[in-house]
N, C-alpha and C. Protein backbone atom coordinates (compact mmCIF):
# COMPACT_ATOMS: atom_id res chain seq x y z
N MET A 1 87.46 110.58 128.84
CA MET A 1 87.42 109.18 128.47
C MET A 1 88.59 108.46 129.15
N THR A 2 88.30 107.34 129.74
CA THR A 2 89.32 106.57 130.44
C THR A 2 90.00 105.61 129.47
N ASP A 3 91.32 105.59 129.51
CA ASP A 3 92.06 104.65 128.68
C ASP A 3 91.96 103.26 129.26
N ILE A 4 91.85 102.28 128.39
CA ILE A 4 91.87 100.88 128.83
C ILE A 4 93.31 100.43 128.77
N GLN A 5 93.80 99.96 129.89
CA GLN A 5 95.19 99.52 129.94
C GLN A 5 95.24 98.01 129.88
N HIS A 6 96.24 97.51 129.18
CA HIS A 6 96.45 96.08 129.10
C HIS A 6 97.05 95.61 130.42
N VAL A 7 96.42 94.60 130.99
CA VAL A 7 96.95 94.00 132.21
C VAL A 7 97.37 92.59 131.87
N SER A 8 98.65 92.30 132.03
CA SER A 8 99.11 90.96 131.69
C SER A 8 98.62 89.96 132.72
N LYS A 9 98.43 88.73 132.26
CA LYS A 9 97.93 87.68 133.13
C LYS A 9 98.97 87.27 134.16
N ASN A 10 98.49 86.98 135.33
CA ASN A 10 99.31 86.40 136.36
C ASN A 10 99.66 84.98 135.92
N LYS A 11 100.88 84.54 136.14
CA LYS A 11 101.29 83.20 135.71
C LYS A 11 100.42 82.11 136.32
N ASN A 12 99.83 82.35 137.47
CA ASN A 12 98.97 81.36 138.11
C ASN A 12 97.53 81.46 137.62
N SER A 13 97.22 82.43 136.81
CA SER A 13 95.87 82.62 136.32
C SER A 13 95.50 81.52 135.31
N ARG A 14 94.25 81.03 135.39
CA ARG A 14 93.79 80.03 134.45
C ARG A 14 93.06 80.75 133.31
N ASP A 15 93.24 80.24 132.09
CA ASP A 15 92.64 80.87 130.91
C ASP A 15 91.15 81.12 131.07
N TRP A 16 90.41 80.15 131.58
CA TRP A 16 88.96 80.30 131.63
C TRP A 16 88.51 81.43 132.54
N ASP A 17 89.37 81.94 133.39
CA ASP A 17 89.02 83.07 134.25
C ASP A 17 88.75 84.32 133.43
N HIS A 18 89.19 84.34 132.18
CA HIS A 18 89.09 85.54 131.36
C HIS A 18 88.18 85.34 130.15
N LYS A 19 87.43 84.27 130.14
CA LYS A 19 86.56 83.99 129.01
C LYS A 19 85.16 84.53 129.27
N VAL A 20 84.44 84.74 128.17
CA VAL A 20 83.03 85.11 128.25
C VAL A 20 82.26 83.81 128.46
N VAL A 21 81.44 83.75 129.50
CA VAL A 21 80.68 82.54 129.80
C VAL A 21 79.46 82.50 128.89
N TRP A 22 79.34 81.42 128.12
CA TRP A 22 78.19 81.23 127.25
C TRP A 22 77.09 80.51 128.03
N ASN A 23 75.93 81.13 128.10
CA ASN A 23 74.81 80.57 128.87
C ASN A 23 73.79 79.83 128.01
N GLY A 24 74.00 79.81 126.71
CA GLY A 24 73.09 79.09 125.82
C GLY A 24 73.59 77.70 125.52
N THR A 25 73.03 77.12 124.48
CA THR A 25 73.45 75.79 124.03
C THR A 25 74.55 75.92 122.98
N GLN A 26 75.17 74.80 122.67
CA GLN A 26 76.17 74.80 121.61
C GLN A 26 75.52 75.14 120.27
N GLN A 27 74.31 74.65 120.05
CA GLN A 27 73.61 74.95 118.80
C GLN A 27 73.34 76.44 118.67
N GLN A 28 72.98 77.10 119.77
CA GLN A 28 72.71 78.54 119.73
C GLN A 28 73.98 79.33 119.45
N LEU A 29 75.11 78.91 120.00
CA LEU A 29 76.38 79.59 119.72
C LEU A 29 76.75 79.38 118.26
N CYS A 30 76.54 78.19 117.76
CA CYS A 30 76.79 77.90 116.36
C CYS A 30 75.89 78.77 115.49
N GLU A 31 74.61 78.87 115.83
CA GLU A 31 73.67 79.71 115.08
C GLU A 31 74.14 81.16 115.04
N LEU A 32 74.64 81.66 116.16
CA LEU A 32 75.15 83.04 116.22
C LEU A 32 76.26 83.25 115.20
N PHE A 33 77.23 82.34 115.17
CA PHE A 33 78.36 82.50 114.26
C PHE A 33 77.94 82.29 112.80
N ILE A 34 76.98 81.42 112.55
CA ILE A 34 76.46 81.25 111.19
C ILE A 34 75.84 82.56 110.72
N LYS A 35 75.01 83.18 111.58
CA LYS A 35 74.35 84.44 111.22
C LYS A 35 75.36 85.58 111.04
N LEU A 36 76.38 85.64 111.90
CA LEU A 36 77.40 86.67 111.76
C LEU A 36 78.15 86.53 110.44
N GLU A 37 78.45 85.29 110.08
CA GLU A 37 79.16 85.04 108.82
C GLU A 37 78.26 85.37 107.63
N GLU A 38 77.01 84.92 107.66
CA GLU A 38 76.07 85.19 106.56
C GLU A 38 75.84 86.68 106.35
N SER A 39 75.92 87.45 107.42
CA SER A 39 75.66 88.89 107.35
C SER A 39 76.91 89.71 107.05
N GLY A 40 78.06 89.04 106.93
CA GLY A 40 79.29 89.72 106.57
C GLY A 40 80.03 90.38 107.72
N TRP A 41 79.66 90.06 108.95
CA TRP A 41 80.33 90.66 110.11
C TRP A 41 81.63 89.96 110.45
N ILE A 42 81.75 88.69 110.08
CA ILE A 42 82.99 87.95 110.33
C ILE A 42 83.40 87.23 109.04
N GLU A 43 84.67 86.91 108.97
CA GLU A 43 85.21 86.20 107.81
C GLU A 43 84.51 84.85 107.66
N ALA A 44 84.34 84.43 106.42
CA ALA A 44 83.73 83.12 106.16
C ALA A 44 84.58 82.03 106.78
N PHE A 45 83.97 81.23 107.62
CA PHE A 45 84.75 80.21 108.32
C PHE A 45 85.08 79.03 107.44
N GLU A 46 84.46 78.92 106.28
CA GLU A 46 84.83 77.84 105.35
C GLU A 46 86.20 78.09 104.75
N ALA A 47 86.66 79.33 104.80
CA ALA A 47 87.95 79.68 104.20
C ALA A 47 89.13 79.28 105.09
N ILE A 48 88.87 78.94 106.33
CA ILE A 48 89.95 78.55 107.24
C ILE A 48 89.66 77.18 107.84
N LYS A 49 90.64 76.61 108.46
CA LYS A 49 90.47 75.28 109.04
C LYS A 49 89.45 75.32 110.17
N LYS A 50 88.46 74.46 110.07
CA LYS A 50 87.34 74.43 111.01
C LYS A 50 87.80 74.19 112.46
N LYS A 51 88.73 73.28 112.65
CA LYS A 51 89.22 72.99 114.01
C LYS A 51 89.85 74.23 114.63
N GLN A 52 90.66 74.95 113.85
CA GLN A 52 91.30 76.16 114.36
C GLN A 52 90.25 77.22 114.67
N TYR A 53 89.23 77.31 113.85
CA TYR A 53 88.15 78.28 114.05
C TYR A 53 87.43 77.98 115.37
N ILE A 54 87.11 76.71 115.58
CA ILE A 54 86.42 76.31 116.82
C ILE A 54 87.31 76.58 118.02
N ASN A 55 88.60 76.28 117.91
CA ASN A 55 89.52 76.54 119.02
C ASN A 55 89.57 78.04 119.35
N SER A 56 89.52 78.88 118.32
CA SER A 56 89.51 80.33 118.56
C SER A 56 88.25 80.76 119.30
N ILE A 57 87.11 80.23 118.87
CA ILE A 57 85.85 80.56 119.56
C ILE A 57 85.91 80.11 121.01
N CYS A 58 86.46 78.93 121.24
CA CYS A 58 86.51 78.37 122.59
C CYS A 58 87.57 79.04 123.47
N LYS A 59 88.48 79.78 122.86
CA LYS A 59 89.42 80.60 123.65
C LYS A 59 88.73 81.86 124.15
N LEU A 60 87.72 82.29 123.41
CA LEU A 60 86.96 83.48 123.79
C LEU A 60 85.80 83.15 124.72
N PHE A 61 85.10 82.05 124.43
CA PHE A 61 83.92 81.66 125.21
C PHE A 61 84.18 80.45 126.09
N ASP A 62 83.69 80.51 127.30
CA ASP A 62 83.66 79.35 128.19
C ASP A 62 82.35 78.63 127.89
N ILE A 63 82.44 77.46 127.26
CA ILE A 63 81.22 76.73 126.90
C ILE A 63 81.01 75.53 127.81
N SER A 64 81.63 75.54 128.98
CA SER A 64 81.53 74.39 129.89
C SER A 64 80.09 74.14 130.37
N LYS A 65 79.24 75.16 130.37
CA LYS A 65 77.85 74.96 130.79
C LYS A 65 77.05 74.17 129.76
N THR A 66 77.62 73.95 128.58
CA THR A 66 76.91 73.21 127.54
C THR A 66 77.16 71.71 127.62
N LYS A 67 77.99 71.29 128.56
CA LYS A 67 78.30 69.86 128.70
C LYS A 67 77.06 69.08 129.11
N ARG A 68 76.88 67.93 128.49
CA ARG A 68 75.74 67.08 128.84
C ARG A 68 76.06 66.14 129.99
N ASN A 69 77.33 65.80 130.14
CA ASN A 69 77.76 65.03 131.32
C ASN A 69 79.20 65.39 131.62
N SER A 70 79.66 65.03 132.79
CA SER A 70 80.98 65.46 133.26
C SER A 70 82.13 64.91 132.43
N ARG A 71 81.92 63.81 131.73
CA ARG A 71 83.01 63.22 130.96
C ARG A 71 83.04 63.68 129.50
N SER A 72 82.05 64.44 129.08
CA SER A 72 82.02 64.85 127.67
C SER A 72 83.04 65.95 127.42
N ASP A 73 83.50 66.02 126.18
CA ASP A 73 84.44 67.04 125.74
C ASP A 73 83.63 68.09 124.99
N GLU A 74 83.36 69.20 125.65
CA GLU A 74 82.47 70.21 125.06
C GLU A 74 83.04 70.84 123.80
N VAL A 75 84.36 70.95 123.70
CA VAL A 75 84.96 71.55 122.51
C VAL A 75 84.78 70.62 121.31
N ASN A 76 85.03 69.35 121.48
CA ASN A 76 84.83 68.40 120.38
C ASN A 76 83.35 68.31 120.00
N SER A 77 82.49 68.32 120.98
CA SER A 77 81.06 68.29 120.73
C SER A 77 80.62 69.52 119.93
N PHE A 78 81.14 70.68 120.30
CA PHE A 78 80.83 71.92 119.58
C PHE A 78 81.34 71.83 118.14
N TYR A 79 82.53 71.27 117.97
CA TYR A 79 83.08 71.09 116.63
C TYR A 79 82.15 70.22 115.78
N GLN A 80 81.65 69.13 116.35
CA GLN A 80 80.77 68.23 115.60
C GLN A 80 79.49 68.96 115.16
N THR A 81 78.96 69.82 116.02
CA THR A 81 77.77 70.61 115.68
C THR A 81 78.10 71.63 114.60
N PHE A 82 79.23 72.30 114.75
CA PHE A 82 79.59 73.41 113.88
C PHE A 82 79.99 72.97 112.48
N LYS A 83 80.54 71.77 112.35
CA LYS A 83 81.00 71.35 111.03
C LYS A 83 79.84 71.09 110.08
N GLY A 84 78.64 70.83 110.61
CA GLY A 84 77.48 70.65 109.76
C GLY A 84 77.62 69.44 108.85
N GLU A 85 76.82 69.44 107.78
CA GLU A 85 76.83 68.35 106.82
C GLU A 85 76.71 68.92 105.42
N ILE A 86 77.22 68.18 104.45
CA ILE A 86 77.05 68.53 103.05
C ILE A 86 75.96 67.61 102.49
N ILE A 87 74.85 68.21 102.06
CA ILE A 87 73.75 67.45 101.48
C ILE A 87 73.49 68.02 100.09
N GLU A 88 73.63 67.16 99.09
CA GLU A 88 73.46 67.56 97.69
C GLU A 88 74.31 68.79 97.35
N GLY A 89 75.56 68.79 97.82
CA GLY A 89 76.49 69.87 97.52
C GLY A 89 76.28 71.14 98.32
N GLN A 90 75.33 71.14 99.21
CA GLN A 90 75.02 72.34 100.02
C GLN A 90 75.40 72.10 101.48
N LYS A 91 76.03 73.10 102.07
CA LYS A 91 76.36 73.05 103.50
C LYS A 91 75.07 73.23 104.28
N THR A 92 74.78 72.33 105.20
CA THR A 92 73.59 72.42 106.03
C THR A 92 73.93 72.18 107.49
N TYR A 93 73.08 72.68 108.33
CA TYR A 93 73.19 72.45 109.76
C TYR A 93 71.87 71.82 110.20
N PRO A 94 71.83 70.48 110.26
CA PRO A 94 70.58 69.77 110.53
C PRO A 94 69.84 70.23 111.78
N PHE A 95 70.56 70.65 112.81
CA PHE A 95 69.87 71.07 114.03
C PHE A 95 68.96 72.27 113.79
N LEU A 96 69.30 73.13 112.82
CA LEU A 96 68.47 74.31 112.53
C LEU A 96 67.12 73.92 111.94
N GLU A 97 67.03 72.73 111.35
CA GLU A 97 65.80 72.29 110.70
C GLU A 97 64.95 71.37 111.56
N ARG A 98 65.44 70.99 112.72
CA ARG A 98 64.66 70.11 113.59
C ARG A 98 63.44 70.85 114.13
N PRO A 99 62.29 70.17 114.15
CA PRO A 99 61.07 70.84 114.60
C PRO A 99 61.13 71.33 116.05
N ASN A 100 61.92 70.67 116.89
CA ASN A 100 61.99 71.08 118.29
C ASN A 100 63.06 72.14 118.57
N TYR A 101 63.84 72.53 117.53
CA TYR A 101 64.84 73.57 117.73
C TYR A 101 64.21 74.94 117.51
N ARG A 102 64.31 75.79 118.51
CA ARG A 102 63.79 77.15 118.42
C ARG A 102 64.94 78.10 118.11
N LYS A 103 64.93 78.67 116.92
CA LYS A 103 65.98 79.60 116.55
C LYS A 103 65.94 80.81 117.47
N VAL A 104 67.11 81.28 117.85
CA VAL A 104 67.19 82.41 118.78
C VAL A 104 67.60 83.71 118.09
N ILE A 105 68.08 83.58 116.86
CA ILE A 105 68.53 84.77 116.14
C ILE A 105 67.76 84.84 114.83
N GLU A 106 66.82 85.73 114.76
CA GLU A 106 66.02 85.86 113.55
C GLU A 106 66.76 86.63 112.47
N LYS A 107 67.44 87.70 112.88
CA LYS A 107 68.08 88.55 111.87
C LYS A 107 69.24 89.31 112.48
N ILE A 108 70.31 89.41 111.71
CA ILE A 108 71.42 90.30 112.02
C ILE A 108 71.57 91.18 110.79
N ASN A 109 71.55 92.46 110.96
CA ASN A 109 71.68 93.36 109.81
C ASN A 109 72.96 93.11 109.06
N LYS A 110 72.92 93.29 107.75
CA LYS A 110 74.09 93.12 106.90
C LYS A 110 75.13 94.17 107.22
N ASN A 111 76.37 93.78 107.11
CA ASN A 111 77.49 94.69 107.28
C ASN A 111 77.76 95.31 105.92
N ASN A 112 77.47 96.56 105.77
CA ASN A 112 77.64 97.22 104.46
C ASN A 112 78.99 97.88 104.39
């Protein structure tokens, strides 16, 4: 088995050079994290500050392909999608209920 060695970043290296490129939409990335949280694979994101949570996700994923135009701020846009809405005391994500939205994640097994 080969050991994985930590390689420190070159000072001239840009952060996005080391991110996972997300090829889906912002809604699909949001759906993934909702399903991971619901299944117990990740900590409940309601327990921590939403902005910090989104910033952490965006440090891991390059979501620049989700931009609708060159002047949009994809991180802020993702935050707006991810924060959802409270309707009658329940947290909801309206995009999941839109007739034209095709869910991409049907099931993630529970973390026992």
